Amino acid sequence: GRGALWGRAGAGSRQCQQEIANAVCLHRAGSLMPQSVPRHCQLSGKVSPVIQWDESRLQQAPPSEPGPGRTSSPLTVSCVPRQRSNYLHREAVELARHYPNIRVTPWRMVTIWGGASLLKMYLRSMKDLLELAEWPWDFFINLSATDYPTRTNEELVMFLSKYRDKNFLKSHGRDNARFIKKQGLDRVFHECDSHMWRLGERRIPEGIVVDGGSDWFSLTRSFVEYVVYAEDQLVSQLRQFYTYTLLPAESFFHTVLENSHACETLVDNNLRVTNWNRKLGCKCQYKHIVDWCGCSPNDFKPQDFLRLQQLSRPTFFARKFESTVNQEVLEILDTHLYGSYPPNTPALKAYWENVYDRVDGLSGLSDVTLTFYTAFSRLGLRQAASAPAAEGCRFEPRGFPSSVHLYFYDDRFQGYLVMQEVQNLATGQAESLEVWMMPQGALKLAGHGGQANRLQNLEVGTEWDPKERLFRNFGGLMGPFDEPVAMQKWSRGPNLTATGGPPKRPLPPGVWTIRLLQFWEPLGENQFLVVPQTFNRKQPLRKDDSNWLHGGPPRNEYMEQSFQGL
């Protein structure tokens, strides 16, 4: 169909194009996935008991019950290049050496949002855990880096000990037909080249009830064993069906459980609170990864704390949390669970995040970020040499920076911390210096009457996140081929329409100024920097490359339209 042709044309590698062609041919022949699947559940309709949170009853468990349940939350580090997973993997392996109850998988997988690879990762993790004879665990709970506990470990263990035969999965509701359409279950997808390609339509297999909802769950060991080891048609055919399904982890385990002999063990609760704000989280922000529109929850902030205190429903985790967005809510939650921190505890309001480590090489950096990081180091060494009494502060850099971190304090971005190996020119000794590069504000607001009083911020950057309403490129590091985005923040009042557009590229290097006008009256302005690249394909820039890279757009025409007629 048209989707398959578009998928083949859009796929970058020949292998991906061939995989798409093979999948389409098998689907047209009716042999890609099952037409019907056997159902083993003897019950009709959904079986989902309502379980309330009762702290007093949990603390009075009868002595005849078995010992406390043991959970297993696998720490899986996905190999996603832009997330610096190599650094995270090394740090996780080192951390696990000090804790006998933590294991890091010796393998890593490239997973994408909505991809079939995520389900493969879960199944492989489950198999690994089942083969750990020294770990007699009872529950498999999947957690992400943006999850955080909302109740103590002791409360979780008491709860699962009471309901040790239950599987906790959150369902979408009762309208299956709407869920199937919205979820794209009636479409064929194939994952390759880090993309989910939509290839055409399909029918849901007959004989079963298809269900789904949240891809966060708590599963019993017996059900995990069934999903991993069973060779019956229900499991094997559903595995095949979900290999070509968008967001398979949001439906595979639900559907297997509801059609299996263990269907009565389902509880419609995933034991967590999710911060949904669909007005912000459903903006098709994953269209560059998936041929579909999806939603993603928002990060928790202090004003959302009441939502974390679910008193009637058993919830033990919440998502999402990001320290680059808000660290304060984590401090509040920690204090709520475990009491206040000791006085003078250092770095409570500080957060560091690694964005580059020399061990990983330069492959994860763009030419623009490499230019900035080396410039930060160079400027820092120049500043040290120009300081008073700087006789012993003259250094020669040795290679590229050794590491770069983002630094936040009190939920505000404070700049970049660049570690550089140097040679002291006075002593000849090798040393390590850290450079702290702080952003300089250049915002100017008119401040006079009318609409100007409503303008609160005007900012330019890249990697705009419409869900969290911030720039993910925290330092605003821009080069000639980046596409700047202007963000305006206004106080409440009548709607306004902004007219403008990004300038044509390449952008000539220098300090740029953006001005916001209304009826040609200035309301505010700000500045942003476009850096002259010193690297091209990780190599020092040649002079002939500099001419076209830094020469500006053709005929110096920056805009396709004129605003003179407005």
Protein backbone atom coordinates (compact mmCIF):
# COMPACT_ATOMS: atom_id res chain seq x y z
CA GLY A 1 0.00 0.00 0.00
CA ARG A 2 0.89 3.68 0.06
CA GLY A 3 2.28 3.42 3.61
CA ALA A 4 4.61 0.61 2.61
CA LEU A 5 5.89 2.53 -0.41
CA TRP A 6 6.47 5.60 1.71
CA GLY A 7 8.25 3.48 4.31
CA ARG A 8 10.62 2.00 1.75
CA ALA A 9 11.36 5.42 0.31
CA GLY A 10 11.95 6.96 3.73
CA ALA A 11 14.13 4.16 5.10
CA GLY A 12 17.80 5.04 4.99
CA SER A 13 19.56 1.68 4.80
CA ARG A 14 19.13 -0.99 2.15
CA GLN A 15 18.69 -3.59 4.88
CA CYS A 16 15.75 -1.66 6.32
CA GLN A 17 14.21 -1.27 2.88
CA GLN A 18 14.52 -5.02 2.32
CA GLU A 19 12.99 -5.82 5.72
CA ILE A 20 10.02 -3.58 4.91
CA ALA A 21 9.58 -5.24 1.51
CA ASN A 22 9.71 -8.72 3.07
CA ALA A 23 7.17 -7.79 5.74
CA VAL A 24 4.78 -6.33 3.16
CA CYS A 25 5.03 -9.40 0.93
CA LEU A 26 4.39 -11.78 3.82
CA HIS A 27 1.47 -9.67 5.00
CA ARG A 28 -0.14 -9.64 1.56
CA ALA A 29 0.28 -13.41 1.42
CA GLY A 30 -1.45 -13.76 4.80
CA SER A 31 1.54 -15.37 6.50
CA LEU A 32 3.03 -12.49 8.48
CA MET A 33 0.84 -12.96 11.54
CA PRO A 34 -1.89 -15.29 12.83
CA GLN A 35 -5.48 -15.02 11.65
CA SER A 36 -6.85 -16.53 14.85
CA VAL A 37 -5.45 -17.26 18.32
CA PRO A 38 -6.83 -19.73 20.91
CA ARG A 39 -8.27 -18.37 24.15
CA HIS A 40 -7.75 -20.36 27.38
CA CYS A 41 -9.61 -18.12 29.83
CA GLN A 42 -12.89 -19.69 30.96
CA LEU A 43 -14.37 -16.38 32.10
CA SER A 44 -16.28 -13.86 30.01
CA GLY A 45 -15.60 -10.16 30.16
CA LYS A 46 -12.89 -8.43 32.15
CA VAL A 47 -12.05 -9.72 35.59
CA SER A 48 -10.50 -7.00 37.71
CA PRO A 49 -11.12 -6.80 41.46
CA VAL A 50 -10.91 -3.36 43.04
CA ILE A 51 -8.17 -3.26 45.67
CA GLN A 52 -8.12 -0.33 48.07
CA TRP A 53 -5.20 0.88 50.15
CA ASP A 54 -5.69 -0.20 53.77
CA GLU A 55 -2.57 0.45 55.79
CA SER A 56 -3.93 -1.00 59.04
CA ARG A 57 -4.85 -4.34 57.48
CA LEU A 58 -1.49 -4.63 55.75
CA GLN A 59 0.28 -4.22 59.07
CA GLN A 60 -1.82 -7.02 60.58
CA ALA A 61 -1.04 -9.83 58.15
CA PRO A 62 -1.99 -13.24 59.64
CA PRO A 63 0.97 -15.41 60.67
CA SER A 64 -0.20 -18.27 58.46
CA GLU A 65 0.65 -16.34 55.29
CA PRO A 66 3.96 -17.12 53.53
CA GLY A 67 7.00 -14.88 53.97
CA PRO A 68 7.27 -11.45 52.40
CA GLY A 69 7.28 -11.14 48.64
CA ARG A 70 10.50 -10.34 46.84
CA THR A 71 10.44 -7.94 43.94
CA SER A 72 12.75 -7.61 41.00
CA SER A 73 13.08 -4.26 39.30
CA PRO A 74 15.64 -4.73 36.51
CA LEU A 75 17.96 -1.82 35.84
CA THR A 76 18.23 -1.81 32.05
CA VAL A 77 20.44 0.78 30.40
CA SER A 78 19.29 1.29 26.82
CA CYS A 79 21.90 2.18 24.23
CA VAL A 80 20.50 5.45 22.88
CA PRO A 81 23.38 7.55 21.48
CA ARG A 82 22.03 10.97 22.47
CA GLN A 83 21.46 9.86 26.05
CA ARG A 84 25.14 9.17 26.78
CA SER A 85 24.31 5.58 27.66
CA ASN A 86 27.93 4.42 27.65
CA TYR A 87 28.73 6.73 30.57
CA LEU A 88 25.58 5.68 32.42
CA HIS A 89 26.35 2.00 31.82
CA ARG A 90 29.86 2.33 33.24
CA GLU A 91 28.59 4.15 36.31
CA ALA A 92 25.79 1.61 36.84
CA VAL A 93 28.23 -1.31 36.61
CA GLU A 94 30.48 0.34 39.19
CA LEU A 95 27.52 1.03 41.48
CA ALA A 96 26.28 -2.58 41.22
CA ARG A 97 29.65 -3.85 42.49
CA HIS A 98 28.79 -2.44 45.92
CA TYR A 99 25.22 -3.80 46.21
CA PRO A 100 24.45 -7.53 46.04
CA ASN A 101 20.80 -6.93 45.12
CA ILE A 102 21.59 -4.94 41.96
CA ARG A 103 22.49 -6.50 38.63
CA VAL A 104 23.26 -4.70 35.40
CA THR A 105 22.55 -6.61 32.22
CA PRO A 106 25.76 -7.50 30.35
CA TRP A 107 23.96 -6.60 27.12
CA ARG A 108 22.31 -3.42 25.90
CA MET A 109 19.68 -2.78 23.26
CA VAL A 110 18.72 0.20 21.15
CA THR A 111 15.10 0.91 22.05
CA ILE A 112 12.91 3.67 20.65
CA TRP A 113 9.63 5.16 21.78
CA GLY A 114 6.79 2.90 20.65
CA GLY A 115 9.15 0.35 19.13
CA ALA A 116 8.93 -3.45 19.10
CA SER A 117 12.46 -3.48 20.53
CA LEU A 118 11.12 -2.41 23.94
CA LEU A 119 9.05 -5.61 24.23
CA LYS A 120 12.07 -7.67 23.18
CA MET A 121 14.10 -5.98 25.89
CA TYR A 122 11.52 -6.81 28.56
CA LEU A 123 11.28 -10.46 27.51
CA ARG A 124 15.04 -10.84 27.46
CA SER A 125 15.35 -9.21 30.89
CA MET A 126 12.70 -11.56 32.25
CA LYS A 127 14.51 -14.58 30.88
CA ASP A 128 17.79 -13.44 32.44
CA LEU A 129 16.14 -12.98 35.83
CA LEU A 130 14.48 -16.39 35.70
CA GLU A 131 17.89 -17.95 35.09
CA LEU A 132 19.41 -16.33 38.20
CA ALA A 133 19.17 -19.27 40.59
CA GLU A 134 20.49 -17.22 43.51
CA TRP A 135 17.64 -14.70 43.17
CA PRO A 136 14.30 -16.34 44.14
CA TRP A 137 12.18 -13.30 43.29
CA ASP A 138 8.37 -13.17 43.25
CA PHE A 139 7.46 -10.06 41.22
CA PHE A 140 8.81 -8.34 38.13
CA ILE A 141 8.30 -4.56 38.29
CA ASN A 142 9.53 -2.41 35.43
CA LEU A 143 10.79 1.06 36.26
CA SER A 144 12.37 3.80 34.17
CA ALA A 145 14.91 6.47 35.01
CA THR A 146 12.04 8.93 35.40
CA ASP A 147 10.14 6.84 38.01
CA TYR A 148 10.35 7.43 41.76
CA PRO A 149 8.83 5.67 44.79
CA THR A 150 5.87 7.25 46.58
CA ARG A 151 5.74 4.73 49.43
CA THR A 152 8.48 2.92 51.31
CA ASN A 153 9.97 -0.44 50.35
CA GLU A 154 8.42 -1.97 53.48
CA GLU A 155 4.93 -0.88 52.41
CA LEU A 156 5.47 -2.28 48.93
CA VAL A 157 6.65 -5.65 50.28
CA MET A 158 3.71 -5.87 52.70
CA PHE A 159 1.24 -5.13 49.92
CA LEU A 160 2.68 -7.61 47.43
CA SER A 161 2.93 -10.27 50.14
CA LYS A 162 -0.81 -9.98 50.66
CA TYR A 163 -1.58 -10.14 46.91
CA ARG A 164 1.26 -12.41 45.83
CA ASP A 165 -0.88 -14.20 43.22
CA LYS A 166 -2.08 -11.03 41.45
CA ASN A 167 -0.78 -9.38 38.29
CA PHE A 168 -1.09 -5.60 38.25
CA LEU A 169 -1.66 -3.98 34.84
CA LYS A 170 -3.59 -0.82 34.02
CA SER A 171 -6.22 -1.17 31.28
CA HIS A 172 -7.48 1.54 28.94
CA GLY A 173 -11.13 1.05 29.90
CA ARG A 174 -14.14 -0.65 28.33
CA ASP A 175 -14.22 0.72 24.77
CA ASN A 176 -12.03 -1.82 22.96
CA ALA A 177 -12.87 -0.64 19.45
CA ARG A 178 -11.78 2.91 20.24
CA PHE A 179 -8.59 1.68 21.92
CA ILE A 180 -7.66 -0.49 18.92
CA LYS A 181 -8.05 2.46 16.54
CA LYS A 182 -6.31 4.99 18.77
CA GLN A 183 -3.45 2.61 19.53
CA GLY A 184 -2.93 1.61 15.90
CA LEU A 185 -3.38 -2.10 16.66
CA ASP A 186 -5.20 -2.47 13.34
CA ARG A 187 -2.06 -1.30 11.50
CA VAL A 188 1.13 -3.14 10.56
CA PHE A 189 4.36 -1.55 11.81
CA HIS A 190 7.97 -2.58 11.39
CA GLU A 191 10.97 -1.26 13.31
CA CYS A 192 14.28 -0.64 11.58
CA ASP A 193 16.72 2.26 11.23
CA SER A 194 15.56 3.42 14.70
CA HIS A 195 12.10 4.16 13.30
CA MET A 196 8.67 2.51 13.41
CA TRP A 197 7.38 2.40 9.83
CA ARG A 198 3.63 2.10 9.21
CA LEU A 199 3.12 -0.41 6.42
CA GLY A 200 -0.62 -0.91 6.07
CA GLU A 201 -3.81 -2.19 7.65
CA ARG A 202 -4.54 -5.55 9.27
CA ARG A 203 -7.23 -7.42 11.18
CA ILE A 204 -7.13 -8.33 14.84
CA PRO A 205 -6.81 -12.13 15.25
CA GLU A 206 -10.10 -13.86 15.93
CA GLY A 207 -10.82 -15.85 19.07
CA ILE A 208 -9.24 -13.54 21.66
CA VAL A 209 -9.94 -10.36 23.58
CA VAL A 210 -7.38 -7.64 22.85
CA ASP A 211 -6.64 -5.33 25.75
CA GLY A 212 -3.99 -2.81 26.73
CA GLY A 213 -3.22 0.44 28.45
CA SER A 214 -0.14 1.31 30.45
CA ASP A 215 3.23 -0.34 29.73
CA TRP A 216 4.18 -0.14 33.42
CA PHE A 217 3.29 -3.26 35.35
CA SER A 218 3.98 -5.64 38.25
CA LEU A 219 3.88 -9.29 37.19
CA THR A 220 4.10 -12.49 39.21
CA ARG A 221 6.96 -14.90 38.63
CA SER A 222 4.58 -17.64 37.49
CA PHE A 223 3.11 -15.41 34.77
CA VAL A 224 6.57 -14.26 33.69
CA GLU A 225 7.63 -17.92 33.38
CA TYR A 226 4.57 -18.59 31.24
CA VAL A 227 5.26 -15.64 28.92
CA VAL A 228 8.96 -16.50 28.56
CA TYR A 229 8.94 -20.29 28.36
CA ALA A 230 5.49 -21.35 27.14
CA GLU A 231 5.33 -22.81 23.65
CA ASP A 232 1.54 -22.89 23.32
CA GLN A 233 -0.14 -21.09 20.46
CA LEU A 234 -1.50 -18.26 22.60
CA VAL A 235 1.96 -17.01 23.57
CA SER A 236 3.85 -17.85 20.38
CA GLN A 237 1.25 -16.38 18.04
CA LEU A 238 0.79 -13.22 20.10
CA ARG A 239 4.55 -12.74 20.11
CA GLN A 240 4.44 -12.86 16.32
CA PHE A 241 1.49 -10.46 16.19
CA TYR A 242 3.15 -7.93 18.51
CA THR A 243 6.44 -8.05 16.62
CA TYR A 244 4.71 -5.83 14.05
CA THR A 245 2.78 -3.66 16.50
CA LEU A 246 3.21 -0.08 17.63
CA LEU A 247 3.70 0.30 21.39
CA PRO A 248 3.61 -3.48 21.94
CA ALA A 249 4.54 -3.29 25.63
CA GLU A 250 1.27 -1.40 26.23
CA SER A 251 -0.81 -4.35 25.09
CA PHE A 252 1.12 -7.65 24.84
CA PHE A 253 1.12 -8.62 28.54
CA HIS A 254 -2.50 -7.47 29.00
CA THR A 255 -3.70 -9.55 26.06
CA VAL A 256 -1.74 -12.68 26.98
CA LEU A 257 -2.96 -12.53 30.59
CA GLU A 258 -6.62 -11.88 29.76
CA ASN A 259 -6.73 -14.84 27.38
CA SER A 260 -4.68 -17.27 29.48
CA HIS A 261 -5.62 -19.71 32.24
CA ALA A 262 -4.43 -17.05 34.73
CA CYS A 263 -6.93 -14.41 33.58
CA GLU A 264 -8.54 -14.22 37.04
CA THR A 265 -5.25 -12.89 38.49
CA LEU A 266 -5.54 -9.54 36.69
CA VAL A 267 -5.90 -6.39 38.78
CA ASP A 268 -6.63 -3.19 36.83
CA ASN A 269 -3.98 -1.09 38.57
CA ASN A 270 -0.31 -0.59 37.70
CA LEU A 271 0.51 0.63 41.23
CA ARG A 272 1.69 4.05 40.11
CA VAL A 273 0.59 7.63 39.58
CA THR A 274 1.22 9.18 36.18
CA ASN A 275 1.19 12.93 35.65
CA TRP A 276 -0.97 13.18 32.55
CA ASN A 277 -1.64 16.55 30.98
CA ARG A 278 -2.81 15.54 27.53
CA LYS A 279 -3.18 19.12 26.34
CA LEU A 280 0.61 19.40 26.58
CA GLY A 281 1.67 15.76 26.27
CA CYS A 282 -0.17 14.80 23.07
CA LYS A 283 1.53 17.01 20.50
CA CYS A 284 2.89 14.27 18.20
CA GLN A 285 6.39 14.96 19.52
CA TYR A 286 7.59 11.53 18.35
CA LYS A 287 6.69 11.88 14.67
CA HIS A 288 10.38 11.80 13.79
CA ILE A 289 10.57 8.31 15.36
CA VAL A 290 7.13 6.79 14.70
CA ASP A 291 4.63 7.11 11.86
CA TRP A 292 1.92 7.81 14.43
CA CYS A 293 0.89 10.33 17.07
CA GLY A 294 1.40 9.38 20.70
CA CYS A 295 1.23 10.90 24.15
CA SER A 296 3.72 11.25 26.96
CA PRO A 297 3.14 12.27 30.60
CA ASN A 298 4.46 15.47 32.10
CA ASP A 299 7.10 15.83 34.78
CA PHE A 300 5.98 16.31 38.36
CA LYS A 301 6.59 19.66 40.02
CA PRO A 302 5.98 20.82 43.62
CA GLN A 303 2.47 22.04 42.79
CA ASP A 304 1.58 18.46 41.79
CA PHE A 305 2.54 16.95 45.15
CA LEU A 306 -1.05 16.35 46.28
CA ARG A 307 -1.48 13.99 43.33
CA LEU A 308 1.36 11.88 44.69
CA GLN A 309 -0.49 11.26 47.94
CA GLN A 310 -2.99 8.69 46.68
CA LEU A 311 -4.66 7.71 49.94
CA SER A 312 -7.38 5.34 48.67
CA ARG A 313 -5.62 3.64 45.75
CA PRO A 314 -2.53 1.47 46.24
CA THR A 315 0.23 3.32 44.40
CA PHE A 316 3.93 2.89 45.07
CA PHE A 317 5.62 4.72 42.20
CA ALA A 318 5.05 7.88 40.19
CA ARG A 319 6.28 9.24 36.89
CA LYS A 320 7.71 11.37 35.45
CA PHE A 321 10.50 13.09 37.33
CA GLU A 322 13.45 14.87 35.74
CA SER A 323 16.07 16.68 37.75
CA THR A 324 16.86 18.91 34.78
CA VAL A 325 13.24 20.10 34.93
CA ASN A 326 12.57 20.12 38.68
CA GLN A 327 14.64 18.77 41.56
CA GLU A 328 12.64 20.33 44.39
CA VAL A 329 9.75 17.88 44.09
CA LEU A 330 12.16 14.98 44.69
CA GLU A 331 13.40 16.62 47.88
CA ILE A 332 9.80 17.06 49.05
CA LEU A 333 9.00 13.43 48.28
CA ASP A 334 12.13 12.15 50.02
CA THR A 335 11.31 14.18 53.12
CA HIS A 336 7.72 12.92 53.07
CA LEU A 337 8.86 9.27 52.98
CA TYR A 338 11.98 9.26 55.13
CA GLY A 339 12.01 12.49 57.13
CA SER A 340 14.08 15.63 56.80
CA TYR A 341 17.69 15.60 55.71
CA PRO A 342 20.31 16.29 58.41
CA PRO A 343 21.18 19.97 58.82
CA ASN A 344 23.86 21.29 56.46
CA THR A 345 23.51 18.34 54.06
CA PRO A 346 25.59 19.48 51.05
CA ALA A 347 24.39 19.78 47.46
CA LEU A 348 20.68 19.21 48.17
CA LYS A 349 19.74 21.82 45.60
CA ALA A 350 22.49 20.94 43.11
CA TYR A 351 22.32 18.57 40.16
CA TRP A 352 24.99 17.54 37.66
CA GLU A 353 24.38 15.60 34.45
CA ASN A 354 27.13 14.24 32.22
CA VAL A 355 26.83 15.10 28.53
CA TYR A 356 30.32 14.03 27.39
CA ASP A 357 33.06 11.74 28.64
CA ARG A 358 36.38 11.25 26.86
CA VAL A 359 36.20 7.45 27.22
CA ASP A 360 33.26 7.47 24.80
CA GLY A 361 35.17 9.31 22.08
CA LEU A 362 33.81 12.11 19.92
CA SER A 363 31.19 10.11 18.01
CA GLY A 364 28.37 11.27 20.30
CA LEU A 365 29.14 14.95 19.77
CA SER A 366 28.05 17.20 16.95
CA ASP A 367 30.56 19.54 15.37
CA VAL A 368 28.78 22.44 17.09
CA THR A 369 29.00 20.97 20.60
CA LEU A 370 32.63 19.96 20.01
CA THR A 371 33.35 23.55 18.94
CA PHE A 372 31.68 24.94 22.06
CA TYR A 373 33.34 22.54 24.51
CA THR A 374 36.83 23.22 23.18
CA ALA A 375 36.09 26.96 23.13
CA PHE A 376 34.91 26.82 26.76
CA SER A 377 38.19 25.16 27.73
CA ARG A 378 40.26 27.64 25.74
CA LEU A 379 38.46 30.67 27.21
CA GLY A 380 38.82 29.31 30.74
CA LEU A 381 42.57 28.84 30.37
CA ARG A 382 42.90 32.32 28.90
CA GLN A 383 40.98 33.77 31.85
CA ALA A 384 43.24 31.96 34.33
CA ALA A 385 46.37 33.27 32.60
CA SER A 386 45.11 36.87 32.65
CA ALA A 387 44.28 36.93 36.36
CA PRO A 388 46.44 38.98 38.77
CA ALA A 389 49.42 37.01 40.12
CA ALA A 390 48.85 34.41 37.40
CA GLU A 391 52.50 33.49 37.00
CA GLY A 392 51.81 29.85 37.83
CA CYS A 393 48.49 29.76 35.98
CA ARG A 394 49.66 29.39 32.40
CA PHE A 395 48.57 26.10 30.92
CA GLU A 396 48.61 24.25 27.62
CA PRO A 397 45.57 22.04 26.93
CA ARG A 398 46.29 18.38 26.24
CA GLY A 399 43.79 17.10 23.70
CA PHE A 400 40.05 17.51 23.92
CA PRO A 401 38.19 18.10 27.20
CA SER A 402 37.97 14.99 29.35
CA SER A 403 34.37 15.51 30.49
CA VAL A 404 31.49 17.99 30.32
CA HIS A 405 28.57 18.27 32.74
CA LEU A 406 25.41 20.35 32.86
CA TYR A 407 25.11 22.07 36.23
CA PHE A 408 21.84 23.10 37.88
CA TYR A 409 21.26 24.76 41.23
CA ASP A 410 17.90 25.49 42.81
CA ASP A 411 16.21 24.31 39.60
CA ARG A 412 18.03 26.86 37.46
CA PHE A 413 20.55 26.07 34.77
CA GLN A 414 23.91 27.40 35.92
CA GLY A 415 26.11 26.50 32.96
CA TYR A 416 28.64 23.93 31.79
CA LEU A 417 31.44 22.36 33.82
CA VAL A 418 34.29 21.41 31.47
CA MET A 419 37.15 19.26 32.74
CA GLN A 420 40.41 19.68 30.81
CA GLU A 421 43.75 17.91 31.11
CA VAL A 422 46.54 20.51 30.88
CA GLN A 423 50.27 20.94 31.27
CA ASN A 424 51.47 23.65 33.63
CA LEU A 425 53.95 25.70 31.60
CA ALA A 426 55.78 26.84 34.73
CA THR A 427 56.32 23.41 36.30
CA GLY A 428 55.81 21.04 33.37
CA GLN A 429 53.43 19.01 35.53
CA ALA A 430 50.20 17.48 34.21
CA GLU A 431 47.11 18.84 35.93
CA SER A 432 43.32 18.75 35.62
CA LEU A 433 41.38 21.99 35.53
CA GLU A 434 37.62 22.53 35.58
CA VAL A 435 36.10 25.47 33.73
CA TRP A 436 32.67 26.79 34.73
CA MET A 437 30.99 28.58 31.81
CA MET A 438 27.89 30.49 32.89
CA PRO A 439 25.24 31.84 30.50
CA GLN A 440 24.91 35.62 30.31
CA GLY A 441 21.42 37.09 30.22
CA ALA A 442 20.67 39.78 27.64
CA LEU A 443 16.89 40.08 27.96
CA LYS A 444 15.46 43.59 27.77
CA LEU A 445 11.75 44.28 28.34
CA ALA A 446 10.21 47.62 27.38
CA GLY A 447 8.14 47.75 30.55
CA HIS A 448 5.84 50.59 29.51
CA GLY A 449 2.05 50.40 29.32
CA GLY A 450 -0.21 48.19 27.25
CA GLN A 451 0.81 44.74 26.13
CA ALA A 452 4.45 45.30 27.09
CA ASN A 453 3.58 44.81 30.75
CA ARG A 454 2.35 41.29 29.95
CA LEU A 455 5.56 40.11 28.26
CA GLN A 456 7.57 38.11 30.82
CA ASN A 457 10.25 36.40 28.76
CA LEU A 458 11.65 36.22 25.24
CA GLU A 459 14.16 33.48 24.53
CA VAL A 460 15.78 31.81 21.52
CA GLY A 461 17.11 28.26 21.42
CA THR A 462 16.82 24.83 19.84
CA GLU A 463 15.31 21.48 20.87
CA TRP A 464 12.10 23.04 22.17
CA ASP A 465 10.07 20.63 24.30
CA PRO A 466 6.38 21.57 23.93
CA LYS A 467 5.40 19.22 26.76
CA GLU A 468 7.62 20.72 29.45
CA ARG A 469 7.83 24.09 27.68
CA LEU A 470 11.58 24.46 27.82
CA PHE A 471 14.61 24.21 25.55
CA ARG A 472 16.39 20.87 25.91
CA ASN A 473 19.49 22.54 24.50
CA PHE A 474 19.97 24.17 27.90
CA GLY A 475 22.93 26.34 27.01
CA GLY A 476 21.54 27.45 23.66
CA LEU A 477 24.57 26.08 21.78
CA MET A 478 23.88 26.94 18.14
CA GLY A 479 25.82 26.68 14.90
CA PRO A 480 25.26 27.82 11.32
CA PHE A 481 22.86 25.00 10.41
CA ASP A 482 20.74 24.99 13.55
CA GLU A 483 17.17 26.29 13.31
CA PRO A 484 16.50 28.73 16.16
CA VAL A 485 13.09 28.80 17.81
CA ALA A 486 11.74 31.90 19.55
CA MET A 487 9.78 31.42 22.77
CA GLN A 488 7.56 34.13 24.27
CA LYS A 489 6.05 33.99 27.75
CA TRP A 490 3.11 36.26 28.52
CA SER A 491 0.96 36.84 31.57
CA ARG A 492 -2.76 36.17 31.26
CA GLY A 493 -4.79 38.39 28.99
CA PRO A 494 -6.33 38.58 25.50
CA ASN A 495 -4.94 36.25 22.85
CA LEU A 496 -2.14 37.56 20.66
CA THR A 497 -0.88 36.39 17.28
CA ALA A 498 2.85 36.37 16.62
CA THR A 499 4.14 36.56 13.06
CA GLY A 500 7.65 35.51 12.19
CA GLY A 501 9.74 32.61 11.06
CA PRO A 502 13.19 31.10 11.32
CA PRO A 503 15.86 32.71 9.14
CA LYS A 504 17.30 30.82 6.20
CA ARG A 505 20.46 28.82 6.81
CA PRO A 506 23.40 28.74 7.08
CA LEU A 507 23.39 31.45 9.71
CA PRO A 508 26.53 33.58 9.70
CA PRO A 509 28.35 33.39 13.05
CA GLY A 510 28.00 36.20 15.54
CA VAL A 511 25.72 37.68 18.17
CA TRP A 512 22.15 37.85 16.87
CA THR A 513 19.37 40.05 18.24
CA ILE A 514 15.68 39.17 18.27
CA ARG A 515 13.14 41.94 18.78
CA LEU A 516 9.44 41.66 19.52
CA LEU A 517 7.36 44.51 18.09
CA GLN A 518 3.70 45.43 18.23
CA PHE A 519 2.61 48.07 15.74
CA TRP A 520 6.33 48.67 15.31
CA GLU A 521 6.69 49.54 19.00
CA PRO A 522 9.36 47.43 20.76
CA LEU A 523 8.11 45.20 23.57
CA GLY A 524 11.34 43.35 24.26
CA GLU A 525 14.54 41.97 22.83
CA ASN A 526 17.16 39.32 23.53
CA GLN A 527 20.40 38.07 22.04
CA PHE A 528 21.72 34.65 21.08
CA LEU A 529 25.06 33.42 19.80
CA VAL A 530 25.75 31.50 16.60
CA VAL A 531 29.24 30.08 16.99
CA PRO A 532 31.71 29.82 14.09
CA GLN A 533 32.42 26.12 13.79
CA THR A 534 36.02 25.04 14.20
CA PHE A 535 35.29 21.41 13.34
CA ASN A 536 33.68 19.66 10.40
CA ARG A 537 33.04 15.93 10.72
CA LYS A 538 35.11 15.96 13.93
CA GLN A 539 38.16 17.28 12.04
CA PRO A 540 39.62 20.81 12.25
CA LEU A 541 37.79 23.05 9.81
CA ARG A 542 39.59 23.75 6.54
CA LYS A 543 39.61 27.23 5.06
CA ASP A 544 37.61 26.26 1.97
CA ASP A 545 34.94 24.70 4.21
CA SER A 546 34.72 27.90 6.24
CA ASN A 547 33.69 29.94 3.21
CA TRP A 548 30.43 28.09 2.56
CA LEU A 549 29.77 27.19 6.20
CA HIS A 550 30.03 30.73 7.54
CA GLY A 551 29.01 32.73 4.46
CA GLY A 552 25.31 33.05 5.24
CA PRO A 553 22.32 32.08 3.04
CA PRO A 554 22.30 32.57 -0.74
CA ARG A 555 22.11 36.24 -1.73
CA ASN A 556 21.98 37.09 2.01
CA GLU A 557 18.21 36.61 1.97
CA TYR A 558 17.29 35.57 5.50
CA MET A 559 13.49 35.60 5.26
CA GLU A 560 11.03 34.43 2.63
CA GLN A 561 8.60 37.22 3.45
CA SER A 562 8.67 40.90 4.31
CA PHE A 563 6.78 42.34 7.26
CA GLN A 564 6.53 45.84 5.83
CA GLY A 565 2.88 45.35 4.92
CA LEU A 566 1.71 44.28 8.38
